[in-house]
Amino acid sequence: MADEATRRAVSQIPLLKTHAGPRDRALWPQRLKEEYQALIRFVEQNKAADNDWFRLESNADGTRWTGTCWFVHELLRYEFRLEGKIYLEWWDGSFCFQCF
């Protein structure tokens, strides 16, 4: 079960309302806009809480994402490169990430 701080943080992120994948040419731009708005709000929250731990960017159509995430442990920074792809065959817009 999530604690109260987690619930409060999640409640401040806009919900995604459009159910669409990349094949849905008419609805996909709206879904992508919602994804960006949620991601931007999440990053703003993390920065305000001094909890900045990742960077992501996507290609123009929002089907390929790249970035980095990091973690500091005992004054050592561990950094991982991320690559993610939303496959056109997946109607629900499922996401597949790989870490390097």
C-alpha atoms as a PDB file:
ATOM      1  CA  MET A   1       0.000   0.000   0.000  1.00  0.00           C
ATOM      2  CA  ALA A   2       1.280   3.465  -0.830  1.00  0.00           C
ATOM      3  CA  ASP A   3       2.089   5.886   1.946  1.00  0.00           C
ATOM      4  CA  GLU A   4       0.464   9.314   2.245  1.00  0.00           C
ATOM      5  CA  ALA A   5       3.412  11.205   0.702  1.00  0.00           C
ATOM      6  CA  THR A   6       3.283   8.992  -2.396  1.00  0.00           C
ATOM      7  CA  ARG A   7      -0.465   9.459  -2.754  1.00  0.00           C
ATOM      8  CA  ARG A   8      -0.117  13.227  -2.443  1.00  0.00           C
ATOM      9  CA  ALA A   9       2.643  13.312  -5.084  1.00  0.00           C
ATOM     10  CA  VAL A  10       0.688  11.134  -7.514  1.00  0.00           C
ATOM     11  CA  SER A  11      -2.494  13.163  -7.028  1.00  0.00           C
ATOM     12  CA  GLN A  12      -0.671  16.254  -8.347  1.00  0.00           C
ATOM     13  CA  ILE A  13       0.238  14.583 -11.652  1.00  0.00           C
ATOM     14  CA  PRO A  14      -2.421  14.976 -14.378  1.00  0.00           C
ATOM     15  CA  LEU A  15      -4.218  11.761 -15.276  1.00  0.00           C
ATOM     16  CA  LEU A  16      -3.987  10.376 -18.800  1.00  0.00           C
ATOM     17  CA  LYS A  17      -7.497  10.257 -20.239  1.00  0.00           C
ATOM     18  CA  THR A  18      -6.966   9.373 -23.888  1.00  0.00           C
ATOM     19  CA  HIS A  19      -6.673   5.654 -24.607  1.00  0.00           C
ATOM     20  CA  ALA A  20      -4.652   5.569 -27.817  1.00  0.00           C
ATOM     21  CA  GLY A  21      -1.524   4.105 -29.330  1.00  0.00           C
ATOM     22  CA  PRO A  22       0.669   5.286 -32.216  1.00  0.00           C
ATOM     23  CA  ARG A  23      -1.628   3.624 -34.763  1.00  0.00           C
ATOM     24  CA  ASP A  24      -4.520   5.850 -33.704  1.00  0.00           C
ATOM     25  CA  ARG A  25      -3.569   8.731 -35.965  1.00  0.00           C
ATOM     26  CA  ALA A  26      -6.400  10.989 -34.758  1.00  0.00           C
ATOM     27  CA  LEU A  27      -6.005  10.384 -31.005  1.00  0.00           C
ATOM     28  CA  TRP A  28      -2.254   9.791 -30.674  1.00  0.00           C
ATOM     29  CA  PRO A  29      -1.250  13.500 -30.676  1.00  0.00           C
ATOM     30  CA  GLN A  30      -3.680  14.151 -27.799  1.00  0.00           C
ATOM     31  CA  ARG A  31      -2.350  11.144 -25.861  1.00  0.00           C
ATOM     32  CA  LEU A  32       1.231  12.289 -26.453  1.00  0.00           C
ATOM     33  CA  LYS A  33       0.352  15.780 -25.217  1.00  0.00           C
ATOM     34  CA  GLU A  34      -1.084  14.258 -22.021  1.00  0.00           C
ATOM     35  CA  GLU A  35       2.066  12.147 -21.585  1.00  0.00           C
ATOM     36  CA  TYR A  36       4.283  15.230 -21.899  1.00  0.00           C
ATOM     37  CA  GLN A  37       2.152  17.225 -19.444  1.00  0.00           C
ATOM     38  CA  ALA A  38       2.313  14.427 -16.863  1.00  0.00           C
ATOM     39  CA  LEU A  39       6.058  13.992 -17.351  1.00  0.00           C
ATOM     40  CA  ILE A  40       6.709  17.733 -17.053  1.00  0.00           C
ATOM     41  CA  ARG A  41       4.648  17.938 -13.861  1.00  0.00           C
ATOM     42  CA  PHE A  42       6.474  14.911 -12.394  1.00  0.00           C
ATOM     43  CA  VAL A  43       9.875  16.474 -13.148  1.00  0.00           C
ATOM     44  CA  GLU A  44       8.774  19.790 -11.612  1.00  0.00           C
ATOM     45  CA  GLN A  45       7.682  17.988  -8.445  1.00  0.00           C
ATOM     46  CA  ASN A  46      10.965  16.098  -8.219  1.00  0.00           C
ATOM     47  CA  LYS A  47      13.039  19.240  -8.680  1.00  0.00           C
ATOM     48  CA  ALA A  48      10.998  21.092  -6.041  1.00  0.00           C
ATOM     49  CA  ALA A  49      11.637  18.215  -3.614  1.00  0.00           C
ATOM     50  CA  ASP A  50      15.360  18.087  -4.549  1.00  0.00           C
ATOM     51  CA  ASN A  51      14.798  14.600  -5.933  1.00  0.00           C
ATOM     52  CA  ASP A  52      15.976  15.008  -9.527  1.00  0.00           C
ATOM     53  CA  TRP A  53      17.028  11.590 -10.867  1.00  0.00           C
ATOM     54  CA  PHE A  54      16.308  11.279 -14.602  1.00  0.00           C
ATOM     55  CA  ARG A  55      16.175  13.014 -17.987  1.00  0.00           C
ATOM     56  CA  LEU A  56      14.035  11.825 -20.907  1.00  0.00           C
ATOM     57  CA  GLU A  57      13.415  13.040 -24.420  1.00  0.00           C
ATOM     58  CA  SER A  58      11.530  11.601 -27.363  1.00  0.00           C
ATOM     59  CA  ASN A  59      11.534  11.696 -31.117  1.00  0.00           C
ATOM     60  CA  ALA A  60       8.948  13.848 -32.930  1.00  0.00           C
ATOM     61  CA  ASP A  61       6.207  11.219 -33.015  1.00  0.00           C
ATOM     62  CA  GLY A  62       6.738  10.059 -29.422  1.00  0.00           C
ATOM     63  CA  THR A  63       7.503   6.430 -30.241  1.00  0.00           C
ATOM     64  CA  ARG A  64      11.192   6.363 -29.243  1.00  0.00           C
ATOM     65  CA  TRP A  65      12.466   7.730 -25.938  1.00  0.00           C
ATOM     66  CA  THR A  66      16.045   8.111 -24.713  1.00  0.00           C
ATOM     67  CA  GLY A  67      17.601   9.490 -21.580  1.00  0.00           C
ATOM     68  CA  THR A  68      19.542   8.804 -18.420  1.00  0.00           C
ATOM     69  CA  CYS A  69      18.724   8.049 -14.824  1.00  0.00           C
ATOM     70  CA  TRP A  70      21.071   8.120 -11.874  1.00  0.00           C
ATOM     71  CA  PHE A  71      21.402   7.223  -8.227  1.00  0.00           C
ATOM     72  CA  VAL A  72      23.933   8.405  -5.654  1.00  0.00           C
ATOM     73  CA  HIS A  73      25.053   5.893  -3.030  1.00  0.00           C
ATOM     74  CA  GLU A  74      27.889   6.535  -0.567  1.00  0.00           C
ATOM     75  CA  LEU A  75      28.963   9.585  -2.588  1.00  0.00           C
ATOM     76  CA  LEU A  76      29.262   7.544  -5.796  1.00  0.00           C
ATOM     77  CA  ARG A  77      26.994   8.387  -8.715  1.00  0.00           C
ATOM     78  CA  TYR A  78      25.667   5.459 -10.719  1.00  0.00           C
ATOM     79  CA  GLU A  79      24.288   6.494 -14.090  1.00  0.00           C
ATOM     80  CA  PHE A  80      22.318   4.414 -16.587  1.00  0.00           C
ATOM     81  CA  ARG A  81      21.405   5.188 -20.169  1.00  0.00           C
ATOM     82  CA  LEU A  82      17.788   4.414 -21.091  1.00  0.00           C
ATOM     83  CA  GLU A  83      16.189   3.647 -24.414  1.00  0.00           C
ATOM     84  CA  GLY A  84      12.478   3.049 -24.752  1.00  0.00           C
ATOM     85  CA  LYS A  85      10.198   2.299 -27.643  1.00  0.00           C
ATOM     86  CA  ILE A  86       6.445   2.249 -28.113  1.00  0.00           C
ATOM     87  CA  TYR A  87       5.789  -0.363 -30.766  1.00  0.00           C
ATOM     88  CA  LEU A  88       3.198   0.447 -33.400  1.00  0.00           C
ATOM     89  CA  GLU A  89       1.806  -3.076 -33.108  1.00  0.00           C
ATOM     90  CA  TRP A  90       0.787  -2.501 -29.487  1.00  0.00           C
ATOM     91  CA  TRP A  91      -2.645  -0.911 -29.547  1.00  0.00           C
ATOM     92  CA  ASP A  92      -2.590   0.157 -25.913  1.00  0.00           C
ATOM     93  CA  GLY A  93       0.667   2.094 -26.314  1.00  0.00           C
ATOM     94  CA  SER A  94       2.637  -0.276 -24.074  1.00  0.00           C
ATOM     95  CA  PHE A  95       6.199   0.760 -23.434  1.00  0.00           C
ATOM     96  CA  CYS A  96       9.428  -1.248 -23.506  1.00  0.00           C
ATOM     97  CA  PHE A  97      12.569   0.136 -21.800  1.00  0.00           C
ATOM     98  CA  GLN A  98      16.162  -1.075 -21.964  1.00  0.00           C
ATOM     99  CA  CYS A  99      18.902   0.044 -19.578  1.00  0.00           C
ATOM    100  CA  PHE A 100      22.556   0.165 -20.577  1.00  0.00           C
END
